[in-house]
mmCIF file of all heavy atoms, coordinates in Angstrom:
data_MODEL
# 
_entry.id   MODEL 
# 
loop_
_atom_site.group_PDB 
_atom_site.id 
_atom_site.type_symbol 
_atom_site.label_atom_id 
_atom_site.label_alt_id 
_atom_site.label_comp_id 
_atom_site.label_asym_id 
_atom_site.label_entity_id 
_atom_site.label_seq_id 
_atom_site.pdbx_PDB_ins_code 
_atom_site.Cartn_x 
_atom_site.Cartn_y 
_atom_site.Cartn_z 
_atom_site.occupancy 
_atom_site.B_iso_or_equiv 
_atom_site.pdbx_formal_charge 
_atom_site.auth_seq_id 
_atom_site.auth_comp_id 
_atom_site.auth_asym_id 
_atom_site.auth_atom_id 
_atom_site.pdbx_PDB_model_num 
ATOM 1   N N   . MET A 1 1  ? 86.904  162.151 283.794 1.00 0.00 ? 1  MET A N   1 
ATOM 2   C CA  . MET A 1 1  ? 86.189  160.983 283.302 1.00 0.00 ? 1  MET A CA  1 
ATOM 3   C C   . MET A 1 1  ? 85.872  161.178 281.823 1.00 0.00 ? 1  MET A C   1 
ATOM 4   O O   . MET A 1 1  ? 85.532  162.283 281.401 1.00 0.00 ? 1  MET A O   1 
ATOM 5   C CB  . MET A 1 1  ? 84.890  160.758 284.079 1.00 0.00 ? 1  MET A CB  1 
ATOM 6   C CG  . MET A 1 1  ? 85.078  160.409 285.532 1.00 0.00 ? 1  MET A CG  1 
ATOM 7   S SD  . MET A 1 1  ? 83.489  160.053 286.345 1.00 0.00 ? 1  MET A SD  1 
ATOM 8   C CE  . MET A 1 1  ? 84.073  159.482 287.931 1.00 0.00 ? 1  MET A CE  1 
ATOM 9   N N   . ALA A 1 2  ? 85.991  160.095 281.064 1.00 0.00 ? 2  ALA A N   1 
ATOM 10  C CA  . ALA A 1 2  ? 85.734  160.198 279.627 1.00 0.00 ? 2  ALA A CA  1 
ATOM 11  C C   . ALA A 1 2  ? 85.140  158.895 279.120 1.00 0.00 ? 2  ALA A C   1 
ATOM 12  O O   . ALA A 1 2  ? 85.443  157.805 279.632 1.00 0.00 ? 2  ALA A O   1 
ATOM 13  C CB  . ALA A 1 2  ? 87.017  160.514 278.864 1.00 0.00 ? 2  ALA A CB  1 
ATOM 14  N N   . ILE A 1 3  ? 84.275  159.019 278.118 1.00 0.00 ? 3  ILE A N   1 
ATOM 15  C CA  . ILE A 1 3  ? 83.715  157.873 277.400 1.00 0.00 ? 3  ILE A CA  1 
ATOM 16  C C   . ILE A 1 3  ? 84.206  157.935 275.961 1.00 0.00 ? 3  ILE A C   1 
ATOM 17  O O   . ILE A 1 3  ? 84.143  158.992 275.325 1.00 0.00 ? 3  ILE A O   1 
ATOM 18  C CB  . ILE A 1 3  ? 82.175  157.884 277.431 1.00 0.00 ? 3  ILE A CB  1 
ATOM 19  C CG1 . ILE A 1 3  ? 81.659  157.611 278.850 1.00 0.00 ? 3  ILE A CG1 1 
ATOM 20  C CG2 . ILE A 1 3  ? 81.599  156.836 276.484 1.00 0.00 ? 3  ILE A CG2 1 
ATOM 21  C CD1 . ILE A 1 3  ? 80.147  157.632 278.963 1.00 0.00 ? 3  ILE A CD1 1 
ATOM 22  N N   . THR A 1 4  ? 84.697  156.810 275.464 1.00 0.00 ? 4  THR A N   1 
ATOM 23  C CA  . THR A 1 4  ? 85.149  156.727 274.075 1.00 0.00 ? 4  THR A CA  1 
ATOM 24  C C   . THR A 1 4  ? 84.524  155.504 273.423 1.00 0.00 ? 4  THR A C   1 
ATOM 25  O O   . THR A 1 4  ? 84.267  154.499 274.101 1.00 0.00 ? 4  THR A O   1 
ATOM 26  C CB  . THR A 1 4  ? 86.677  156.625 273.995 1.00 0.00 ? 4  THR A CB  1 
ATOM 27  O OG1 . THR A 1 4  ? 87.126  155.531 274.813 1.00 0.00 ? 4  THR A OG1 1 
ATOM 28  C CG2 . THR A 1 4  ? 87.337  157.905 274.465 1.00 0.00 ? 4  THR A CG2 1 
ATOM 29  N N   . PRO A 1 5  ? 84.277  155.556 272.112 1.00 0.00 ? 5  PRO A N   1 
ATOM 30  C CA  . PRO A 1 5  ? 83.749  154.373 271.417 1.00 0.00 ? 5  PRO A CA  1 
ATOM 31  C C   . PRO A 1 5  ? 84.721  153.208 271.523 1.00 0.00 ? 5  PRO A C   1 
ATOM 32  O O   . PRO A 1 5  ? 85.934  153.370 271.400 1.00 0.00 ? 5  PRO A O   1 
ATOM 33  C CB  . PRO A 1 5  ? 83.605  154.852 269.962 1.00 0.00 ? 5  PRO A CB  1 
ATOM 34  C CG  . PRO A 1 5  ? 83.535  156.340 270.045 1.00 0.00 ? 5  PRO A CG  1 
ATOM 35  C CD  . PRO A 1 5  ? 84.392  156.718 271.210 1.00 0.00 ? 5  PRO A CD  1 
ATOM 36  N N   . SER A 1 6  ? 84.193  152.030 271.769 1.00 0.00 ? 6  SER A N   1 
ATOM 37  C CA  . SER A 1 6  ? 85.033  150.846 271.924 1.00 0.00 ? 6  SER A CA  1 
ATOM 38  C C   . SER A 1 6  ? 84.204  149.608 271.649 1.00 0.00 ? 6  SER A C   1 
ATOM 39  O O   . SER A 1 6  ? 83.002  149.570 271.940 1.00 0.00 ? 6  SER A O   1 
ATOM 40  C CB  . SER A 1 6  ? 85.626  150.787 273.337 1.00 0.00 ? 6  SER A CB  1 
ATOM 41  O OG  . SER A 1 6  ? 86.264  149.560 273.574 1.00 0.00 ? 6  SER A OG  1 
ATOM 42  N N   . VAL A 1 7  ? 84.849  148.593 271.115 1.00 0.00 ? 7  VAL A N   1 
ATOM 43  C CA  . VAL A 1 7  ? 84.168  147.324 270.866 1.00 0.00 ? 7  VAL A CA  1 
ATOM 44  C C   . VAL A 1 7  ? 84.152  146.464 272.121 1.00 0.00 ? 7  VAL A C   1 
ATOM 45  O O   . VAL A 1 7  ? 83.164  145.804 272.439 1.00 0.00 ? 7  VAL A O   1 
ATOM 46  C CB  . VAL A 1 7  ? 84.845  146.568 269.709 1.00 0.00 ? 7  VAL A CB  1 
ATOM 47  C CG1 . VAL A 1 7  ? 84.206  145.193 269.510 1.00 0.00 ? 7  VAL A CG1 1 
ATOM 48  C CG2 . VAL A 1 7  ? 84.764  147.383 268.420 1.00 0.00 ? 7  VAL A CG2 1 
ATOM 49  N N   . ALA A 1 8  ? 85.258  146.488 272.881 1.00 0.00 ? 8  ALA A N   1 
ATOM 50  C CA  . ALA A 1 8  ? 85.397  145.584 274.026 1.00 0.00 ? 8  ALA A CA  1 
ATOM 51  C C   . ALA A 1 8  ? 84.837  146.152 275.318 1.00 0.00 ? 8  ALA A C   1 
ATOM 52  O O   . ALA A 1 8  ? 84.598  145.398 276.258 1.00 0.00 ? 8  ALA A O   1 
ATOM 53  C CB  . ALA A 1 8  ? 86.875  145.234 274.221 1.00 0.00 ? 8  ALA A CB  1 
ATOM 54  N N   . GLY A 1 9  ? 84.629  147.465 275.423 1.00 0.00 ? 9  GLY A N   1 
ATOM 55  C CA  . GLY A 1 9  ? 84.167  148.050 276.673 1.00 0.00 ? 9  GLY A CA  1 
ATOM 56  C C   . GLY A 1 9  ? 85.291  148.125 277.695 1.00 0.00 ? 9  GLY A C   1 
ATOM 57  O O   . GLY A 1 9  ? 86.451  148.316 277.358 1.00 0.00 ? 9  GLY A O   1 
ATOM 58  N N   . GLY A 1 10 ? 84.966  147.975 278.984 1.00 0.00 ? 10 GLY A N   1 
ATOM 59  C CA  . GLY A 1 10 ? 85.966  147.994 280.040 1.00 0.00 ? 10 GLY A CA  1 
ATOM 60  C C   . GLY A 1 10 ? 86.194  149.385 280.604 1.00 0.00 ? 10 GLY A C   1 
ATOM 61  O O   . GLY A 1 10 ? 85.658  150.386 280.129 1.00 0.00 ? 10 GLY A O   1 
ATOM 62  N N   . THR A 1 11 ? 87.031  149.426 281.670 1.00 0.00 ? 11 THR A N   1 
ATOM 63  C CA  . THR A 1 11 ? 87.324  150.668 282.372 1.00 0.00 ? 11 THR A CA  1 
ATOM 64  C C   . THR A 1 11 ? 88.822  150.758 282.635 1.00 0.00 ? 11 THR A C   1 
ATOM 65  O O   . THR A 1 11 ? 89.449  149.760 282.990 1.00 0.00 ? 11 THR A O   1 
ATOM 66  C CB  . THR A 1 11 ? 86.568  150.747 283.712 1.00 0.00 ? 11 THR A CB  1 
ATOM 67  O OG1 . THR A 1 11 ? 85.159  150.705 283.461 1.00 0.00 ? 11 THR A OG1 1 
ATOM 68  C CG2 . THR A 1 11 ? 86.897  152.031 284.461 1.00 0.00 ? 11 THR A CG2 1 
ATOM 69  N N   . THR A 1 12 ? 89.383  151.945 282.462 1.00 0.00 ? 12 THR A N   1 
ATOM 70  C CA  . THR A 1 12 ? 90.778  152.217 282.793 1.00 0.00 ? 12 THR A CA  1 
ATOM 71  C C   . THR A 1 12 ? 90.826  153.284 283.875 1.00 0.00 ? 12 THR A C   1 
ATOM 72  O O   . THR A 1 12 ? 90.264  154.366 283.701 1.00 0.00 ? 12 THR A O   1 
ATOM 73  C CB  . THR A 1 12 ? 91.557  152.702 281.560 1.00 0.00 ? 12 THR A CB  1 
ATOM 74  O OG1 . THR A 1 12 ? 91.524  151.693 280.555 1.00 0.00 ? 12 THR A OG1 1 
ATOM 75  C CG2 . THR A 1 12 ? 93.004  153.000 281.917 1.00 0.00 ? 12 THR A CG2 1 
ATOM 76  N N   . VAL A 1 13 ? 91.468  152.950 285.004 1.00 0.00 ? 13 VAL A N   1 
ATOM 77  C CA  . VAL A 1 13 ? 91.666  153.911 286.083 1.00 0.00 ? 13 VAL A CA  1 
ATOM 78  C C   . VAL A 1 13 ? 93.138  154.289 286.086 1.00 0.00 ? 13 VAL A C   1 
ATOM 79  O O   . VAL A 1 13 ? 93.993  153.489 286.470 1.00 0.00 ? 13 VAL A O   1 
ATOM 80  C CB  . VAL A 1 13 ? 91.253  153.324 287.449 1.00 0.00 ? 13 VAL A CB  1 
ATOM 81  C CG1 . VAL A 1 13 ? 91.435  154.362 288.554 1.00 0.00 ? 13 VAL A CG1 1 
ATOM 82  C CG2 . VAL A 1 13 ? 89.806  152.841 287.411 1.00 0.00 ? 13 VAL A CG2 1 
ATOM 83  N N   . SER A 1 14 ? 93.455  155.481 285.632 1.00 0.00 ? 14 SER A N   1 
ATOM 84  C CA  . SER A 1 14 ? 94.841  155.948 285.543 1.00 0.00 ? 14 SER A CA  1 
ATOM 85  C C   . SER A 1 14 ? 95.208  156.709 286.815 1.00 0.00 ? 14 SER A C   1 
ATOM 86  O O   . SER A 1 14 ? 94.452  157.578 287.266 1.00 0.00 ? 14 SER A O   1 
ATOM 87  C CB  . SER A 1 14 ? 95.020  156.851 284.325 1.00 0.00 ? 14 SER A CB  1 
ATOM 88  O OG  . SER A 1 14 ? 94.723  156.155 283.130 1.00 0.00 ? 14 SER A OG  1 
ATOM 89  N N   . ILE A 1 15 ? 96.362  156.370 287.375 1.00 0.00 ? 15 ILE A N   1 
ATOM 90  C CA  . ILE A 1 15 ? 96.832  157.001 288.610 1.00 0.00 ? 15 ILE A CA  1 
ATOM 91  C C   . ILE A 1 15 ? 98.253  157.502 288.360 1.00 0.00 ? 15 ILE A C   1 
ATOM 92  O O   . ILE A 1 15 ? 99.215  156.893 288.806 1.00 0.00 ? 15 ILE A O   1 
ATOM 93  C CB  . ILE A 1 15 ? 96.794  156.005 289.792 1.00 0.00 ? 15 ILE A CB  1 
ATOM 94  C CG1 . ILE A 1 15 ? 95.473  155.228 289.808 1.00 0.00 ? 15 ILE A CG1 1 
ATOM 95  C CG2 . ILE A 1 15 ? 96.992  156.719 291.119 1.00 0.00 ? 15 ILE A CG2 1 
ATOM 96  C CD1 . ILE A 1 15 ? 95.464  154.069 290.750 1.00 0.00 ? 15 ILE A CD1 1 
ATOM 97  N N   . PRO A 1 16 ? 98.417  158.563 287.591 1.00 0.00 ? 16 PRO A N   1 
ATOM 98  C CA  . PRO A 1 16 ? 99.763  159.038 287.295 1.00 0.00 ? 16 PRO A CA  1 
ATOM 99  C C   . PRO A 1 16 ? 100.429 159.592 288.546 1.00 0.00 ? 16 PRO A C   1 
ATOM 100 O O   . PRO A 1 16 ? 99.754  160.209 289.385 1.00 0.00 ? 16 PRO A O   1 
ATOM 101 C CB  . PRO A 1 16 ? 99.510  160.135 286.256 1.00 0.00 ? 16 PRO A CB  1 
ATOM 102 C CG  . PRO A 1 16 ? 98.115  160.593 286.499 1.00 0.00 ? 16 PRO A CG  1 
ATOM 103 C CD  . PRO A 1 16 ? 97.365  159.383 286.981 1.00 0.00 ? 16 PRO A CD  1 
ATOM 104 N N   . PRO A 1 17 ? 101.762 159.360 288.717 1.00 0.00 ? 17 PRO A N   1 
ATOM 105 C CA  . PRO A 1 17 ? 102.652 158.645 287.812 1.00 0.00 ? 17 PRO A CA  1 
ATOM 106 C C   . PRO A 1 17 ? 102.811 157.172 288.160 1.00 0.00 ? 17 PRO A C   1 
ATOM 107 O O   . PRO A 1 17 ? 103.760 156.531 287.752 1.00 0.00 ? 17 PRO A O   1 
ATOM 108 C CB  . PRO A 1 17 ? 103.978 159.375 288.031 1.00 0.00 ? 17 PRO A CB  1 
ATOM 109 C CG  . PRO A 1 17 ? 103.931 159.694 289.508 1.00 0.00 ? 17 PRO A CG  1 
ATOM 110 C CD  . PRO A 1 17 ? 102.490 159.979 289.837 1.00 0.00 ? 17 PRO A CD  1 
ATOM 111 N N   . LEU A 1 18 ? 101.889 156.634 288.949 1.00 0.00 ? 18 LEU A N   1 
ATOM 112 C CA  . LEU A 1 18 ? 102.065 155.287 289.488 1.00 0.00 ? 18 LEU A CA  1 
ATOM 113 C C   . LEU A 1 18 ? 101.711 154.197 288.504 1.00 0.00 ? 18 LEU A C   1 
ATOM 114 O O   . LEU A 1 18 ? 102.250 153.101 288.563 1.00 0.00 ? 18 LEU A O   1 
ATOM 115 C CB  . LEU A 1 18 ? 101.212 155.129 290.760 1.00 0.00 ? 18 LEU A CB  1 
ATOM 116 C CG  . LEU A 1 18 ? 101.456 156.182 291.843 1.00 0.00 ? 18 LEU A CG  1 
ATOM 117 C CD1 . LEU A 1 18 ? 100.508 155.986 292.996 1.00 0.00 ? 18 LEU A CD1 1 
ATOM 118 C CD2 . LEU A 1 18 ? 102.899 156.129 292.308 1.00 0.00 ? 18 LEU A CD2 1 
ATOM 119 N N   . GLY A 1 19 ? 100.786 154.437 287.591 1.00 0.00 ? 19 GLY A N   1 
ATOM 120 C CA  . GLY A 1 19 ? 100.370 153.409 286.641 1.00 0.00 ? 19 GLY A CA  1 
ATOM 121 C C   . GLY A 1 19 ? 98.876  153.462 286.397 1.00 0.00 ? 19 GLY A C   1 
ATOM 122 O O   . GLY A 1 19 ? 98.228  154.499 286.582 1.00 0.00 ? 19 GLY A O   1 
ATOM 123 N N   . ALA A 1 20 ? 98.310  152.330 285.994 1.00 0.00 ? 20 ALA A N   1 
ATOM 124 C CA  . ALA A 1 20 ? 96.887  152.281 285.664 1.00 0.00 ? 20 ALA A CA  1 
ATOM 125 C C   . ALA A 1 20 ? 96.339  150.908 285.987 1.00 0.00 ? 20 ALA A C   1 
ATOM 126 O O   . ALA A 1 20 ? 97.052  149.902 285.954 1.00 0.00 ? 20 ALA A O   1 
ATOM 127 C CB  . ALA A 1 20 ? 96.664  152.591 284.183 1.00 0.00 ? 20 ALA A CB  1 
ATOM 128 N N   . LEU A 1 21 ? 95.041  150.867 286.324 1.00 0.00 ? 21 LEU A N   1 
ATOM 129 C CA  . LEU A 1 21 ? 94.318  149.622 286.553 1.00 0.00 ? 21 LEU A CA  1 
ATOM 130 C C   . LEU A 1 21 ? 93.351  149.415 285.387 1.00 0.00 ? 21 LEU A C   1 
ATOM 131 O O   . LEU A 1 21 ? 92.573  150.304 285.049 1.00 0.00 ? 21 LEU A O   1 
ATOM 132 C CB  . LEU A 1 21 ? 93.540  149.667 287.868 1.00 0.00 ? 21 LEU A CB  1 
ATOM 133 C CG  . LEU A 1 21 ? 94.358  149.727 289.154 1.00 0.00 ? 21 LEU A CG  1 
ATOM 134 C CD1 . LEU A 1 21 ? 93.430  149.837 290.358 1.00 0.00 ? 21 LEU A CD1 1 
ATOM 135 C CD2 . LEU A 1 21 ? 95.263  148.519 289.293 1.00 0.00 ? 21 LEU A CD2 1 
ATOM 136 N N   . GLN A 1 22 ? 93.422  148.228 284.780 1.00 0.00 ? 22 GLN A N   1 
ATOM 137 C CA  . GLN A 1 22 ? 92.492  147.870 283.710 1.00 0.00 ? 22 GLN A CA  1 
ATOM 138 C C   . GLN A 1 22 ? 91.439  146.932 284.307 1.00 0.00 ? 22 GLN A C   1 
ATOM 139 O O   . GLN A 1 22 ? 91.774  145.896 284.886 1.00 0.00 ? 22 GLN A O   1 
ATOM 140 C CB  . GLN A 1 22 ? 93.234  147.164 282.569 1.00 0.00 ? 22 GLN A CB  1 
ATOM 141 C CG  . GLN A 1 22 ? 94.388  147.963 281.984 1.00 0.00 ? 22 GLN A CG  1 
ATOM 142 C CD  . GLN A 1 22 ? 93.933  149.172 281.214 1.00 0.00 ? 22 GLN A CD  1 
ATOM 143 O OE1 . GLN A 1 22 ? 92.787  149.247 280.770 1.00 0.00 ? 22 GLN A OE1 1 
ATOM 144 N NE2 . GLN A 1 22 ? 94.832  150.130 281.017 1.00 0.00 ? 22 GLN A NE2 1 
ATOM 145 N N   . LEU A 1 23 ? 90.158  147.297 284.162 1.00 0.00 ? 23 LEU A N   1 
ATOM 146 C CA  . LEU A 1 23 ? 89.066  146.517 284.725 1.00 0.00 ? 23 LEU A CA  1 
ATOM 147 C C   . LEU A 1 23 ? 88.148  146.041 283.611 1.00 0.00 ? 23 LEU A C   1 
ATOM 148 O O   . LEU A 1 23 ? 87.750  146.835 282.747 1.00 0.00 ? 23 LEU A O   1 
ATOM 149 C CB  . LEU A 1 23 ? 88.253  147.355 285.724 1.00 0.00 ? 23 LEU A CB  1 
ATOM 150 C CG  . LEU A 1 23 ? 89.031  148.029 286.859 1.00 0.00 ? 23 LEU A CG  1 
ATOM 151 C CD1 . LEU A 1 23 ? 88.093  148.883 287.695 1.00 0.00 ? 23 LEU A CD1 1 
ATOM 152 C CD2 . LEU A 1 23 ? 89.728  146.996 287.714 1.00 0.00 ? 23 LEU A CD2 1 
ATOM 153 N N   . ASP A 1 24 ? 87.810  144.765 283.647 1.00 0.00 ? 24 ASP A N   1 
ATOM 154 C CA  . ASP A 1 24 ? 86.826  144.215 282.707 1.00 0.00 ? 24 ASP A CA  1 
ATOM 155 C C   . ASP A 1 24 ? 85.437  144.448 283.285 1.00 0.00 ? 24 ASP A C   1 
ATOM 156 O O   . ASP A 1 24 ? 84.719  143.527 283.647 1.00 0.00 ? 24 ASP A O   1 
ATOM 157 C CB  . ASP A 1 24 ? 87.095  142.723 282.481 1.00 0.00 ? 24 ASP A CB  1 
ATOM 158 C CG  . ASP A 1 24 ? 86.191  142.127 281.417 1.00 0.00 ? 24 ASP A CG  1 
ATOM 159 O OD1 . ASP A 1 24 ? 85.612  142.904 280.633 1.00 0.00 ? 24 ASP A OD1 1 
ATOM 160 O OD2 . ASP A 1 24 ? 86.055  140.889 281.387 1.00 0.00 ? 24 ASP A OD2 1 
ATOM 161 N N   . SER A 1 25 ? 85.057  145.723 283.378 1.00 0.00 ? 25 SER A N   1 
ATOM 162 C CA  . SER A 1 25 ? 83.869  146.113 284.132 1.00 0.00 ? 25 SER A CA  1 
ATOM 163 C C   . SER A 1 25 ? 82.570  145.909 283.370 1.00 0.00 ? 25 SER A C   1 
ATOM 164 O O   . SER A 1 25 ? 81.518  145.722 283.980 1.00 0.00 ? 25 SER A O   1 
ATOM 165 C CB  . SER A 1 25 ? 83.983  147.591 284.531 1.00 0.00 ? 25 SER A CB  1 
ATOM 166 O OG  . SER A 1 25 ? 84.141  148.399 283.367 1.00 0.00 ? 25 SER A OG  1 
ATOM 167 N N   . HIS A 1 26 ? 82.606  145.976 282.046 1.00 0.00 ? 26 HIS A N   1 
ATOM 168 C CA  . HIS A 1 26 ? 81.371  145.860 281.264 1.00 0.00 ? 26 HIS A CA  1 
ATOM 169 C C   . HIS A 1 26 ? 81.724  145.566 279.811 1.00 0.00 ? 26 HIS A C   1 
ATOM 170 O O   . HIS A 1 26 ? 82.884  145.682 279.390 1.00 0.00 ? 26 HIS A O   1 
ATOM 171 C CB  . HIS A 1 26 ? 80.560  147.160 281.341 1.00 0.00 ? 26 HIS A CB  1 
ATOM 172 C CG  . HIS A 1 26 ? 81.276  148.341 280.742 1.00 0.00 ? 26 HIS A CG  1 
ATOM 173 N ND1 . HIS A 1 26 ? 82.178  149.095 281.460 1.00 0.00 ? 26 HIS A ND1 1 
ATOM 174 C CD2 . HIS A 1 26 ? 81.240  148.892 279.498 1.00 0.00 ? 26 HIS A CD2 1 
ATOM 175 C CE1 . HIS A 1 26 ? 82.670  150.057 280.691 1.00 0.00 ? 26 HIS A CE1 1 
ATOM 176 N NE2 . HIS A 1 26 ? 82.114  149.948 279.487 1.00 0.00 ? 26 HIS A NE2 1 
# 
């Protein structure tokens, strides 16, 4: 798990090697 500075927020759930889910969580 990691937090990075961002203007838009949101969450990325990465499931290698299958892909990633982008969530407009916050």
